[in-house]
PDB file of N, CA and C in Angstrom:
ATOM      1  N   MET A   1      40.664  -8.487  21.506  1.00  0.00           N
ATOM      2  CA  MET A   1      41.867  -9.272  20.517  1.00  0.00           C
ATOM      3  C   MET A   1      43.359  -8.843  20.775  1.00  0.00           C
ATOM      4  N   THR A   2      44.307  -9.557  21.103  1.00  0.00           N
ATOM      5  CA  THR A   2      45.456  -9.383  21.287  1.00  0.00           C
ATOM      6  C   THR A   2      46.271  -8.680  20.040  1.00  0.00           C
ATOM      7  N   GLU A   3      47.368  -7.732  20.173  1.00  0.00           N
ATOM      8  CA  GLU A   3      47.930  -7.257  19.051  1.00  0.00           C
ATOM      9  C   GLU A   3      48.538  -8.383  18.031  1.00  0.00           C
ATOM     10  N   ASN A   4      48.926  -9.515  18.766  1.00  0.00           N
ATOM     11  CA  ASN A   4      49.323 -10.553  17.920  1.00  0.00           C
ATOM     12  C   ASN A   4      48.280 -11.057  16.851  1.00  0.00           C
ATOM     13  N   GLU A   5      47.177 -11.288  17.595  1.00  0.00           N
ATOM     14  CA  GLU A   5      45.767 -11.584  16.722  1.00  0.00           C
ATOM     15  C   GLU A   5      45.683 -10.782  15.834  1.00  0.00           C
ATOM     16  N   MET A   6      45.509  -9.380  16.094  1.00  0.00           N
ATOM     17  CA  MET A   6      45.133  -8.597  15.066  1.00  0.00           C
ATOM     18  C   MET A   6      46.223  -8.533  13.770  1.00  0.00           C
ATOM     19  N   LEU A   7      47.384  -8.736  14.225  1.00  0.00           N
ATOM     20  CA  LEU A   7      48.672  -8.895  12.987  1.00  0.00           C
ATOM     21  C   LEU A   7      48.244  -9.957  12.309  1.00  0.00           C
ATOM     22  N   GLU A   8      47.918 -11.184  12.990  1.00  0.00           N
ATOM     23  CA  GLU A   8      47.861 -12.210  12.143  1.00  0.00           C
ATOM     24  C   GLU A   8      46.503 -12.159  11.292  1.00  0.00           C
ATOM     25  N   LEU A   9      45.540 -11.589  11.839  1.00  0.00           N
ATOM     26  CA  LEU A   9      44.346 -11.240  11.027  1.00  0.00           C
ATOM     27  C   LEU A   9      44.535 -10.692   9.764  1.00  0.00           C
ATOM     28  N   GLU A  10      45.163  -9.604  10.016  1.00  0.00           N
ATOM     29  CA  GLU A  10      45.653  -8.716   8.690  1.00  0.00           C
ATOM     30  C   GLU A  10      46.530  -9.382   7.930  1.00  0.00           C
ATOM     31  N   GLU A  11      47.329 -10.240   8.453  1.00  0.00           N
ATOM     32  CA  GLU A  11      48.209 -11.123   7.302  1.00  0.00           C
ATOM     33  C   GLU A  11      47.482 -11.956   6.505  1.00  0.00           C
ATOM     34  N   LEU A  12      46.376 -12.474   7.229  1.00  0.00           N
ATOM     35  CA  LEU A  12      45.420 -13.729   6.463  1.00  0.00           C
ATOM     36  C   LEU A  12      44.546 -12.881   5.654  1.00  0.00           C
ATOM     37  N   ARG A  13      44.173 -11.574   5.886  1.00  0.00           N
ATOM     38  CA  ARG A  13      43.504 -11.027   4.936  1.00  0.00           C
ATOM     39  C   ARG A  13      44.301 -10.721   3.845  1.00  0.00           C
ATOM     40  N   ALA A  14      45.540 -10.123   3.952  1.00  0.00           N
ATOM     41  CA  ALA A  14      46.459  -9.834   2.873  1.00  0.00           C
ATOM     42  C   ALA A  14      46.612 -11.162   1.955  1.00  0.00           C
ATOM     43  N   GLU A  15      46.778 -12.154   2.512  1.00  0.00           N
ATOM     44  CA  GLU A  15      47.025 -13.639   1.794  1.00  0.00           C
ATOM     45  C   GLU A  15      46.037 -13.971   1.117  1.00  0.00           C
ATOM     46  N   ASN A  16      44.475 -13.615   1.561  1.00  0.00           N
ATOM     47  CA  ASN A  16      43.268 -14.028   0.872  1.00  0.00           C
ATOM     48  C   ASN A  16      42.977 -13.177  -0.248  1.00  0.00           C
ATOM     49  N   ALA A  17      43.525 -12.145  -0.071  1.00  0.00           N
ATOM     50  CA  ALA A  17      43.288 -11.007  -1.362  1.00  0.00           C
ATOM     51  C   ALA A  17      44.384 -11.408  -2.316  1.00  0.00           C
ATOM     52  N   LYS A  18      45.389 -11.964  -2.037  1.00  0.00           N
ATOM     53  CA  LYS A  18      46.338 -12.163  -3.114  1.00  0.00           C
ATOM     54  C   LYS A  18      45.977 -13.399  -3.547  1.00  0.00           C
ATOM     55  N   LEU A  19      45.546 -14.355  -3.052  1.00  0.00           N
ATOM     56  CA  LEU A  19      44.819 -15.817  -3.547  1.00  0.00           C
ATOM     57  C   LEU A  19      43.773 -15.436  -4.591  1.00  0.00           C
ATOM     58  N   LYS A  20      42.915 -14.532  -4.353  1.00  0.00           N
ATOM     59  CA  LYS A  20      41.706 -14.279  -5.031  1.00  0.00           C
ATOM     60  C   LYS A  20      42.087 -13.561  -6.398  1.00  0.00           C
ATOM     61  N   ALA A  21      43.090 -12.801  -6.227  1.00  0.00           N
ATOM     62  CA  ALA A  21      43.842 -12.216  -7.189  1.00  0.00           C
ATOM     63  C   ALA A  21      44.381 -13.129  -8.387  1.00  0.00           C
ATOM     64  N   ALA A  22      45.142 -14.133  -7.901  1.00  0.00           N
ATOM     65  CA  ALA A  22      45.806 -15.125  -8.483  1.00  0.00           C
ATOM     66  C   ALA A  22      44.755 -16.123  -9.216  1.00  0.00           C
ATOM     67  N   VAL A  23      43.475 -16.329  -8.489  1.00  0.00           N
ATOM     68  CA  VAL A  23      42.571 -17.227  -9.271  1.00  0.00           C
ATOM     69  C   VAL A  23      42.026 -16.353 -10.232  1.00  0.00           C
ATOM     70  N   LYS A  24      41.696 -15.109  -9.735  1.00  0.00           N
ATOM     71  CA  LYS A  24      40.928 -14.407 -11.153  1.00  0.00           C
ATOM     72  C   LYS A  24      41.757 -14.142 -12.112  1.00  0.00           C
ATOM     73  N   ALA A  25      43.165 -13.875 -12.189  1.00  0.00           N
ATOM     74  CA  ALA A  25      44.019 -13.945 -13.171  1.00  0.00           C
ATOM     75  C   ALA A  25      44.168 -15.348 -14.095  1.00  0.00           C
ATOM     76  N   ALA A  26      43.947 -16.299 -13.118  1.00  0.00           N
ATOM     77  CA  ALA A  26      44.058 -17.703 -14.016  1.00  0.00           C
ATOM     78  C   ALA A  26      42.892 -18.112 -14.935  1.00  0.00           C
ATOM     79  N   VAL A  27      41.628 -17.477 -14.412  1.00  0.00           N
ATOM     80  CA  VAL A  27      40.548 -17.640 -15.325  1.00  0.00           C
ATOM     81  C   VAL A  27      40.569 -16.970 -16.422  1.00  0.00           C
ATOM     82  N   LYS A  28      40.843 -17.554 -17.697  1.00  0.00           N
ATOM     83  CA  LYS A  28      40.544 -16.971 -19.046  1.00  0.00           C
ATOM     84  C   LYS A  28      39.423 -17.347 -19.849  1.00  0.00           C
ATOM     85  N   THR A  29      39.095 -16.372 -20.457  1.00  0.00           N
ATOM     86  CA  THR A  29      38.077 -16.815 -21.275  1.00  0.00           C
ATOM     87  C   THR A  29      38.434 -17.510 -22.704  1.00  0.00           C
ATOM     88  N   SER A  30      37.675 -18.271 -23.314  1.00  0.00           N
ATOM     89  CA  SER A  30      37.804 -19.209 -24.336  1.00  0.00           C
ATOM     90  C   SER A  30      36.630 -19.370 -25.342  1.00  0.00           C
ATOM     91  N   LEU A  31      36.476 -19.467 -26.474  1.00  0.00           N
ATOM     92  CA  LEU A  31      35.501 -19.575 -27.466  1.00  0.00           C
ATOM     93  C   LEU A  31      35.614 -20.871 -28.065  1.00  0.00           C
ATOM     94  N   LYS A  32      34.452 -21.549 -28.297  1.00  0.00           N
ATOM     95  CA  LYS A  32      34.249 -22.998 -28.892  1.00  0.00           C
ATOM     96  C   LYS A  32      33.186 -23.109 -29.662  1.00  0.00           C
ATOM     97  N   VAL A  33      33.173 -23.666 -30.903  1.00  0.00           N
ATOM     98  CA  VAL A  33      31.841 -23.896 -31.610  1.00  0.00           C
ATOM     99  C   VAL A  33      31.315 -24.884 -31.156  1.00  0.00           C
ATOM    100  N   SER A  34      29.971 -24.767 -30.810  1.00  0.00           N
ATOM    101  CA  SER A  34      29.279 -25.875 -30.145  1.00  0.00           C
ATOM    102  C   SER A  34      28.906 -27.045 -31.207  1.00  0.00           C
ATOM    103  N   GLU A  35      28.199 -28.228 -30.841  1.00  0.00           N
ATOM    104  CA  GLU A  35      27.908 -29.048 -31.762  1.00  0.00           C
ATOM    105  C   GLU A  35      26.792 -28.635 -32.671  1.00  0.00           C
ATOM    106  N   LYS A  36      25.995 -27.583 -32.240  1.00  0.00           N
ATOM    107  CA  LYS A  36      24.801 -27.325 -33.056  1.00  0.00           C
ATOM    108  C   LYS A  36      25.293 -25.813 -33.834  1.00  0.00           C
ATOM    109  N   GLY A  37      26.466 -25.618 -33.990  1.00  0.00           N
ATOM    110  CA  GLY A  37      26.867 -24.472 -34.662  1.00  0.00           C
ATOM    111  C   GLY A  37      26.867 -23.160 -33.980  1.00  0.00           C
ATOM    112  N   ALA A  38      26.599 -23.288 -32.743  1.00  0.00           N
ATOM    113  CA  ALA A  38      26.739 -21.996 -32.116  1.00  0.00           C
ATOM    114  C   ALA A  38      28.056 -21.543 -31.330  1.00  0.00           C
ATOM    115  N   VAL A  39      28.164 -20.402 -30.843  1.00  0.00           N
ATOM    116  CA  VAL A  39      29.474 -20.101 -30.334  1.00  0.00           C
ATOM    117  C   VAL A  39      29.126 -19.980 -28.715  1.00  0.00           C
ATOM    118  N   SER A  40      30.147 -20.640 -27.757  1.00  0.00           N
ATOM    119  CA  SER A  40      30.158 -20.749 -26.626  1.00  0.00           C
ATOM    120  C   SER A  40      31.230 -19.928 -26.026  1.00  0.00           C
ATOM    121  N   LEU A  41      31.099 -19.060 -24.993  1.00  0.00           N
ATOM    122  CA  LEU A  41      32.003 -18.099 -24.288  1.00  0.00           C
ATOM    123  C   LEU A  41      32.133 -18.884 -22.966  1.00  0.00           C
ATOM    124  N   TYR A  42      33.514 -19.062 -22.572  1.00  0.00           N
ATOM    125  CA  TYR A  42      33.732 -20.068 -21.395  1.00  0.00           C
ATOM    126  C   TYR A  42      34.383 -18.974 -20.684  1.00  0.00           C
ATOM    127  N   GLY A  43      34.430 -19.112 -19.251  1.00  0.00           N
ATOM    128  CA  GLY A  43      35.330 -18.081 -18.397  1.00  0.00           C
ATOM    129  C   GLY A  43      34.595 -17.007 -17.748  1.00  0.00           C
ATOM    130  N   LEU A  44      33.255 -16.690 -18.231  1.00  0.00           N
ATOM    131  CA  LEU A  44      32.686 -15.674 -17.510  1.00  0.00           C
ATOM    132  C   LEU A  44      32.090 -16.015 -16.196  1.00  0.00           C
ATOM    133  N   GLY A  45      31.647 -17.267 -16.051  1.00  0.00           N
ATOM    134  CA  GLY A  45      30.817 -18.027 -14.957  1.00  0.00           C
ATOM    135  C   GLY A  45      30.950 -19.619 -14.998  1.00  0.00           C
ATOM    136  N   ARG A  46      29.989 -20.018 -14.028  1.00  0.00           N
ATOM    137  CA  ARG A  46      30.069 -21.365 -14.075  1.00  0.00           C
ATOM    138  C   ARG A  46      29.738 -22.061 -15.324  1.00  0.00           C
ATOM    139  N   PHE A  47      28.702 -21.507 -16.166  1.00  0.00           N
ATOM    140  CA  PHE A  47      28.321 -22.029 -17.528  1.00  0.00           C
ATOM    141  C   PHE A  47      28.708 -21.128 -18.579  1.00  0.00           C
ATOM    142  N   PRO A  48      28.742 -21.643 -19.685  1.00  0.00           N
ATOM    143  CA  PRO A  48      29.359 -20.815 -20.848  1.00  0.00           C
ATOM    144  C   PRO A  48      27.988 -20.021 -21.392  1.00  0.00           C
ATOM    145  N   VAL A  49      28.166 -18.931 -21.943  1.00  0.00           N
ATOM    146  CA  VAL A  49      27.323 -18.233 -22.762  1.00  0.00           C
ATOM    147  C   VAL A  49      27.490 -18.558 -24.085  1.00  0.00           C
ATOM    148  N   THR A  50      26.090 -19.042 -24.654  1.00  0.00           N
ATOM    149  CA  THR A  50      26.045 -19.729 -25.733  1.00  0.00           C
ATOM    150  C   THR A  50      25.093 -19.190 -26.495  1.00  0.00           C
ATOM    151  N   LEU A  51      25.455 -18.650 -27.769  1.00  0.00           N
ATOM    152  CA  LEU A  51      24.432 -17.942 -28.777  1.00  0.00           C
ATOM    153  C   LEU A  51      24.970 -18.287 -30.034  1.00  0.00           C
ATOM    154  N   TYR A  52      23.988 -18.159 -31.004  1.00  0.00           N
ATOM    155  CA  TYR A  52      24.082 -18.478 -32.403  1.00  0.00           C
ATOM    156  C   TYR A  52      24.753 -17.065 -33.007  1.00  0.00           C
ATOM    157  N   LYS A  53      25.351 -17.191 -34.176  1.00  0.00           N
ATOM    158  CA  LYS A  53      26.022 -16.142 -34.828  1.00  0.00           C
ATOM    159  C   LYS A  53      25.364 -14.818 -35.032  1.00  0.00           C
ATOM    160  N   SER A  54      24.022 -15.142 -35.459  1.00  0.00           N
ATOM    161  CA  SER A  54      23.111 -13.819 -35.434  1.00  0.00           C
ATOM    162  C   SER A  54      22.832 -13.146 -34.232  1.00  0.00           C
ATOM    163  N   GLN A  55      22.683 -14.094 -33.125  1.00  0.00           N
ATOM    164  CA  GLN A  55      22.487 -13.450 -31.745  1.00  0.00           C
ATOM    165  C   GLN A  55      23.573 -12.861 -31.175  1.00  0.00           C
ATOM    166  N   TRP A  56      24.891 -13.191 -31.607  1.00  0.00           N
ATOM    167  CA  TRP A  56      25.972 -12.410 -31.095  1.00  0.00           C
ATOM    168  C   TRP A  56      26.215 -11.039 -31.999  1.00  0.00           C
ATOM    169  N   LEU A  57      25.825 -11.012 -33.321  1.00  0.00           N
ATOM    170  CA  LEU A  57      25.758  -9.886 -34.080  1.00  0.00           C
ATOM    171  C   LEU A  57      24.848  -8.953 -33.621  1.00  0.00           C
ATOM    172  N   ASN A  58      23.670  -9.387 -33.147  1.00  0.00           N
ATOM    173  CA  ASN A  58      22.457  -8.679 -32.757  1.00  0.00           C
ATOM    174  C   ASN A  58      23.092  -8.041 -31.288  1.00  0.00           C
ATOM    175  N   LEU A  59      23.706  -8.692 -30.582  1.00  0.00           N
ATOM    176  CA  LEU A  59      24.121  -8.325 -29.277  1.00  0.00           C
ATOM    177  C   LEU A  59      25.164  -7.193 -29.524  1.00  0.00           C
ATOM    178  N   PHE A  60      26.139  -7.331 -30.309  1.00  0.00           N
ATOM    179  CA  PHE A  60      27.203  -6.337 -30.807  1.00  0.00           C
ATOM    180  C   PHE A  60      26.621  -5.064 -31.238  1.00  0.00           C
ATOM    181  N   ASP A  61      25.600  -5.069 -31.885  1.00  0.00           N
ATOM    182  CA  ASP A  61      24.892  -3.969 -32.296  1.00  0.00           C
ATOM    183  C   ASP A  61      24.120  -3.184 -31.346  1.00  0.00           C
ATOM    184  N   LYS A  62      23.674  -3.710 -30.039  1.00  0.00           N
ATOM    185  CA  LYS A  62      23.227  -3.147 -29.218  1.00  0.00           C
ATOM    186  C   LYS A  62      24.202  -2.964 -27.758  1.00  0.00           C
ATOM    187  N   ILE A  63      25.490  -3.048 -28.030  1.00  0.00           N
ATOM    188  CA  ILE A  63      26.397  -2.890 -27.001  1.00  0.00           C
ATOM    189  C   ILE A  63      26.330  -1.357 -26.306  1.00  0.00           C
ATOM    190  N   GLU A  64      26.316  -0.560 -27.109  1.00  0.00           N
ATOM    191  CA  GLU A  64      26.095   0.801 -26.541  1.00  0.00           C
ATOM    192  C   GLU A  64      24.872   0.999 -25.670  1.00  0.00           C
ATOM    193  N   THR A  65      23.825   0.328 -25.889  1.00  0.00           N
ATOM    194  CA  THR A  65      22.621   0.472 -25.379  1.00  0.00           C
ATOM    195  C   THR A  65      22.551  -0.287 -24.096  1.00  0.00           C
ATOM    196  N   VAL A  66      23.473  -1.331 -23.840  1.00  0.00           N
ATOM    197  CA  VAL A  66      23.822  -2.072 -22.838  1.00  0.00           C
ATOM    198  C   VAL A  66      24.707  -1.307 -21.843  1.00  0.00           C
ATOM    199  N   LYS A  67      25.718  -0.700 -22.286  1.00  0.00           N
ATOM    200  CA  LYS A  67      26.699   0.079 -21.721  1.00  0.00           C
ATOM    201  C   LYS A  67      25.857   1.155 -21.030  1.00  0.00           C
ATOM    202  N   GLN A  68      25.087   1.966 -21.734  1.00  0.00           N
ATOM    203  CA  GLN A  68      24.346   2.921 -21.148  1.00  0.00           C
ATOM    204  C   GLN A  68      23.465   2.394 -19.980  1.00  0.00           C
ATOM    205  N   PHE A  69      22.727   1.242 -20.179  1.00  0.00           N
ATOM    206  CA  PHE A  69      21.976   0.750 -19.261  1.00  0.00           C
ATOM    207  C   PHE A  69      22.696   0.497 -17.755  1.00  0.00           C
ATOM    208  N   LEU A  70      23.712  -0.234 -18.099  1.00  0.00           N
ATOM    209  CA  LEU A  70      24.891  -0.418 -16.924  1.00  0.00           C
ATOM    210  C   LEU A  70      25.070   0.869 -16.154  1.00  0.00           C
ATOM    211  N   THR A  71      25.309   1.879 -16.963  1.00  0.00           N
ATOM    212  CA  THR A  71      25.897   3.063 -16.190  1.00  0.00           C
ATOM    213  C   THR A  71      24.425   3.558 -15.555  1.00  0.00           C
ATOM    214  N   ASP A  72      23.189   3.659 -16.340  1.00  0.00           N
ATOM    215  CA  ASP A  72      22.087   4.209 -15.481  1.00  0.00           C
ATOM    216  C   ASP A  72      21.780   3.600 -14.449  1.00  0.00           C
ATOM    217  N   HIS A  73      21.817   2.372 -14.377  1.00  0.00           N
ATOM    218  CA  HIS A  73      21.479   1.358 -13.203  1.00  0.00           C
ATOM    219  C   HIS A  73      22.766   0.937 -12.284  1.00  0.00           C
ATOM    220  N   ASP A  74      23.834   1.552 -12.248  1.00  0.00           N
ATOM    221  CA  ASP A  74      24.976   1.239 -11.354  1.00  0.00           C
ATOM    222  C   ASP A  74      24.484   1.027 -10.018  1.00  0.00           C
ATOM    223  N   SER A  75      23.867   1.808  -9.507  1.00  0.00           N
ATOM    224  CA  SER A  75      23.652   1.877  -8.021  1.00  0.00           C
ATOM    225  C   SER A  75      22.940   0.540  -7.870  1.00  0.00           C
ATOM    226  N   GLU A  76      22.017   0.053  -8.690  1.00  0.00           N
ATOM    227  CA  GLU A  76      21.205  -1.099  -8.461  1.00  0.00           C
ATOM    228  C   GLU A  76      21.932  -2.574  -8.684  1.00  0.00           C
ATOM    229  N   LEU A  77      22.927  -2.443  -9.178  1.00  0.00           N
ATOM    230  CA  LEU A  77      23.627  -3.770  -9.700  1.00  0.00           C
ATOM    231  C   LEU A  77      24.787  -4.278  -8.785  1.00  0.00           C
ATOM    232  N   ALA A  78      24.851  -5.468  -8.709  1.00  0.00           N
ATOM    233  CA  ALA A  78      25.818  -6.262  -8.071  1.00  0.00           C
ATOM    234  C   ALA A  78      27.039  -6.479  -8.824  1.00  0.00           C
ATOM    235  N   VAL A  79      27.949  -6.585  -8.226  1.00  0.00           N
ATOM    236  CA  VAL A  79      29.323  -6.932  -8.909  1.00  0.00           C
ATOM    237  C   VAL A  79      29.669  -8.265  -8.419  1.00  0.00           C
ATOM    238  N   LYS A  80      30.122  -9.177  -9.175  1.00  0.00           N
ATOM    239  CA  LYS A  80      30.359 -10.502  -9.115  1.00  0.00           C
ATOM    240  C   LYS A  80      31.998 -10.342  -9.323  1.00  0.00           C
ATOM    241  N   GLU A  81      32.816 -10.902  -8.262  1.00  0.00           N
ATOM    242  CA  GLU A  81      34.302 -11.187  -8.514  1.00  0.00           C
ATOM    243  C   GLU A  81      34.685 -12.521  -8.616  1.00  0.00           C
TER     244      GLU A  81
END
């Protein structure tokens, strides 16, 4: 690779990182009550996370357990950006 090609590659990588950060910042989460009375959380992935009120409350009660599990298994877990 020539020096110019290497510089251009670095510029493209920097531009790509900037665009990824802009897209990530543009994605916002939102909540909606579904037709069946559940709560849908949008913005985490391609599809919403939809749970009924009792399921959300049950999840919130277990949040420390979930956090500890994530910490304990950190080396095994993938990170999606």
